[in-house]
Amino acid sequence: MTHNCSLPVVAEGVYPFDARGVAKRFRHAAIFGALDALQAGETMRFCNDHDPLPLLSQISGHFGDQIKIAYVSREPGEIVIDFRVTR
């Protein structure tokens, strides 16, 4: 079953990242690279098919309070999280 990230990006400085299209072995490296590329005030809107709790823990441990994490949607099969850079 294919899911779409149904929430549109409607704000300037919000960049979509659909993790479902990235090979699992590269996924965390790609996500960390994307977060490193963001400037203060920018947001990565992350889409996934499951709740990435271990990833959220890793991001918090690596970035601390420089990245704010906020769920936008927690529907089964479609998790959407905004990662906002505050540094």
C-alpha atoms as a PDB file:
ATOM      1  CA  MET A   1       0.000   0.000   0.000  1.00  0.00           C
ATOM      2  CA  THR A   2       1.398   3.402  -0.967  1.00  0.00           C
ATOM      3  CA  HIS A   3       0.897   6.397   1.271  1.00  0.00           C
ATOM      4  CA  ASN A   4       1.400  10.019   0.390  1.00  0.00           C
ATOM      5  CA  CYS A   5       2.588  12.760   2.651  1.00  0.00           C
ATOM      6  CA  SER A   6      -0.778  14.449   2.428  1.00  0.00           C
ATOM      7  CA  LEU A   7       0.063  17.560   4.407  1.00  0.00           C
ATOM      8  CA  PRO A   8       1.124  20.342   2.074  1.00  0.00           C
ATOM      9  CA  VAL A   9       4.085  22.566   2.738  1.00  0.00           C
ATOM     10  CA  VAL A  10       2.507  25.999   2.897  1.00  0.00           C
ATOM     11  CA  ALA A  11       5.214  28.093   4.543  1.00  0.00           C
ATOM     12  CA  GLU A  12       8.439  29.570   3.288  1.00  0.00           C
ATOM     13  CA  GLY A  13      11.464  27.847   4.795  1.00  0.00           C
ATOM     14  CA  VAL A  14       9.724  24.456   5.220  1.00  0.00           C
ATOM     15  CA  TYR A  15      11.377  21.675   3.241  1.00  0.00           C
ATOM     16  CA  PRO A  16       9.803  18.228   2.711  1.00  0.00           C
ATOM     17  CA  PHE A  17      11.776  15.062   3.400  1.00  0.00           C
ATOM     18  CA  ASP A  18      10.005  11.783   2.608  1.00  0.00           C
ATOM     19  CA  ALA A  19      12.063   9.071   4.308  1.00  0.00           C
ATOM     20  CA  ARG A  20      10.033   6.313   2.660  1.00  0.00           C
ATOM     21  CA  GLY A  21      11.935   6.871  -0.587  1.00  0.00           C
ATOM     22  CA  VAL A  22      15.384   6.491   0.982  1.00  0.00           C
ATOM     23  CA  ALA A  23      17.001   3.050   1.339  1.00  0.00           C
ATOM     24  CA  LYS A  24      16.943   1.965   4.993  1.00  0.00           C
ATOM     25  CA  ARG A  25      20.713   1.655   5.245  1.00  0.00           C
ATOM     26  CA  PHE A  26      21.145   5.317   4.202  1.00  0.00           C
ATOM     27  CA  ARG A  27      18.098   6.788   5.927  1.00  0.00           C
ATOM     28  CA  HIS A  28      19.584   8.086   9.190  1.00  0.00           C
ATOM     29  CA  ALA A  29      22.672   9.510   7.455  1.00  0.00           C
ATOM     30  CA  ALA A  30      20.449  11.299   4.921  1.00  0.00           C
ATOM     31  CA  ILE A  31      18.235  12.727   7.663  1.00  0.00           C
ATOM     32  CA  PHE A  32      21.199  13.984   9.704  1.00  0.00           C
ATOM     33  CA  GLY A  33      22.735  15.487   6.553  1.00  0.00           C
ATOM     34  CA  ALA A  34      19.496  17.280   5.726  1.00  0.00           C
ATOM     35  CA  LEU A  35      19.205  18.644   9.275  1.00  0.00           C
ATOM     36  CA  ASP A  36      22.819  19.872   9.148  1.00  0.00           C
ATOM     37  CA  ALA A  37      22.033  21.729   5.911  1.00  0.00           C
ATOM     38  CA  LEU A  38      19.183  23.753   7.437  1.00  0.00           C
ATOM     39  CA  GLN A  39      19.669  27.324   8.616  1.00  0.00           C
ATOM     40  CA  ALA A  40      18.218  28.856  11.788  1.00  0.00           C
ATOM     41  CA  GLY A  41      14.466  29.270  11.433  1.00  0.00           C
ATOM     42  CA  GLU A  42      14.101  26.642   8.693  1.00  0.00           C
ATOM     43  CA  THR A  43      12.079  23.453   9.089  1.00  0.00           C
ATOM     44  CA  MET A  44      12.329  19.982   7.614  1.00  0.00           C
ATOM     45  CA  ARG A  45       8.872  18.373   7.287  1.00  0.00           C
ATOM     46  CA  PHE A  46       9.634  14.672   7.698  1.00  0.00           C
ATOM     47  CA  CYS A  47       7.312  11.936   6.401  1.00  0.00           C
ATOM     48  CA  ASN A  48       7.598   8.268   7.357  1.00  0.00           C
ATOM     49  CA  ASP A  49       5.472   5.132   7.487  1.00  0.00           C
ATOM     50  CA  HIS A  50       6.212   4.480  11.177  1.00  0.00           C
ATOM     51  CA  ASP A  51       6.942   6.481  14.304  1.00  0.00           C
ATOM     52  CA  PRO A  52      10.757   6.794  14.361  1.00  0.00           C
ATOM     53  CA  LEU A  53      11.256   6.900  18.133  1.00  0.00           C
ATOM     54  CA  PRO A  54      14.916   5.701  18.081  1.00  0.00           C
ATOM     55  CA  LEU A  55      15.707   8.344  15.443  1.00  0.00           C
ATOM     56  CA  LEU A  56      14.069  11.080  17.527  1.00  0.00           C
ATOM     57  CA  SER A  57      16.234  10.061  20.472  1.00  0.00           C
ATOM     58  CA  GLN A  58      19.371  10.176  18.305  1.00  0.00           C
ATOM     59  CA  ILE A  59      18.449  13.612  16.945  1.00  0.00           C
ATOM     60  CA  SER A  60      17.837  14.955  20.454  1.00  0.00           C
ATOM     61  CA  GLY A  61      21.135  13.515  21.641  1.00  0.00           C
ATOM     62  CA  HIS A  62      23.091  14.934  18.704  1.00  0.00           C
ATOM     63  CA  PHE A  63      21.465  18.369  18.280  1.00  0.00           C
ATOM     64  CA  GLY A  64      20.097  19.020  21.773  1.00  0.00           C
ATOM     65  CA  ASP A  65      17.844  22.064  21.866  1.00  0.00           C
ATOM     66  CA  GLN A  66      19.050  23.287  18.439  1.00  0.00           C
ATOM     67  CA  ILE A  67      16.279  21.230  16.795  1.00  0.00           C
ATOM     68  CA  LYS A  68      12.667  21.445  17.946  1.00  0.00           C
ATOM     69  CA  ILE A  69      10.596  18.336  17.188  1.00  0.00           C
ATOM     70  CA  ALA A  70       6.837  18.645  16.680  1.00  0.00           C
ATOM     71  CA  TYR A  71       4.405  16.033  15.378  1.00  0.00           C
ATOM     72  CA  VAL A  72       2.127  17.354  12.649  1.00  0.00           C
ATOM     73  CA  SER A  73       0.314  14.051  12.037  1.00  0.00           C
ATOM     74  CA  ARG A  74       0.399  10.631  13.681  1.00  0.00           C
ATOM     75  CA  GLU A  75      -1.907   8.681  11.382  1.00  0.00           C
ATOM     76  CA  PRO A  76      -1.234   4.947  10.954  1.00  0.00           C
ATOM     77  CA  GLY A  77       1.144   4.537   8.023  1.00  0.00           C
ATOM     78  CA  GLU A  78       1.815   8.270   7.771  1.00  0.00           C
ATOM     79  CA  ILE A  79       3.835  10.024  10.436  1.00  0.00           C
ATOM     80  CA  VAL A  80       4.652  13.688   9.769  1.00  0.00           C
ATOM     81  CA  ILE A  81       7.100  15.518  12.009  1.00  0.00           C
ATOM     82  CA  ASP A  82       8.475  19.037  11.746  1.00  0.00           C
ATOM     83  CA  PHE A  83      12.116  19.496  12.709  1.00  0.00           C
ATOM     84  CA  ARG A  84      12.712  23.230  13.239  1.00  0.00           C
ATOM     85  CA  VAL A  85      16.234  24.597  13.576  1.00  0.00           C
ATOM     86  CA  THR A  86      16.659  27.110  16.400  1.00  0.00           C
ATOM     87  CA  ARG A  87      20.450  27.562  16.353  1.00  0.00           C
END
